[in-house]
Protein backbone atom coordinates (compact mmCIF):
# COMPACT_ATOMS: atom_id res chain seq x y z
CA MET A 1 67.44 81.14 -11.88
CA ILE A 2 64.14 81.88 -10.34
CA ASP A 3 63.04 79.55 -7.18
CA LYS A 4 60.02 77.42 -7.89
CA GLU A 5 58.57 78.64 -4.46
CA LEU A 6 58.84 82.18 -5.64
CA LEU A 7 57.19 81.54 -9.05
CA ASP A 8 54.22 79.78 -7.10
CA ILE A 9 53.47 82.98 -5.10
CA LEU A 10 53.94 85.41 -8.00
CA ALA A 11 51.15 86.85 -10.12
CA CYS A 12 50.84 89.13 -13.15
CA PRO A 13 50.17 92.77 -11.82
CA SER A 14 48.30 93.41 -14.85
CA CYS A 15 45.57 90.50 -14.79
CA LYS A 16 46.59 88.73 -11.62
CA GLY A 17 46.95 85.44 -13.83
CA ASP A 18 49.50 82.86 -12.86
CA VAL A 19 53.00 83.02 -14.17
CA GLU A 20 55.59 80.61 -15.36
CA LEU A 21 59.30 80.90 -16.37
CA LYS A 22 59.90 80.71 -19.98
CA ASP A 23 63.05 81.95 -22.18
CA GLU A 24 64.56 83.84 -19.05
CA LYS A 25 61.45 85.73 -18.65
CA ILE A 26 58.22 85.59 -16.44
CA VAL A 27 55.45 85.14 -18.56
CA CYS A 28 51.66 85.28 -17.72
CA LEU A 29 49.74 82.44 -18.68
CA LYS A 30 46.29 84.44 -18.90
CA CYS A 31 47.31 87.76 -20.61
CA GLY A 32 50.66 86.79 -22.26
CA LYS A 33 52.77 89.62 -20.82
CA LYS A 34 56.53 88.87 -20.45
CA TYR A 35 58.42 90.45 -17.46
CA PRO A 36 62.16 90.65 -17.54
CA ILE A 37 64.54 89.09 -15.08
CA LYS A 38 67.59 91.48 -14.25
CA ASP A 39 70.34 90.06 -11.97
CA GLY A 40 68.39 86.97 -10.90
CA ILE A 41 65.20 89.38 -9.83
CA PRO A 42 61.99 89.52 -11.71
CA ILE A 43 60.85 92.94 -12.77
CA MET A 44 57.05 92.47 -12.28
CA LEU A 45 56.09 96.04 -13.34
CA ILE A 46 53.52 96.67 -16.27
CA ASP A 47 55.72 99.26 -17.70
CA GLU A 48 58.52 96.86 -18.01
CA ALA A 49 56.39 94.08 -19.71
CA GLU A 50 56.52 93.05 -23.26
């Protein structure tokens, strides 16, 4: 599980939009990209986004 404080400081690397946790992925509220979480670590790389 990702800490709420960490989610508050994370931003989408593509569009700099706010993100939220949804279905075990970090989802950008602005552009909709979904970033995976592997072993409890968010992988915030544009190339890894869905």
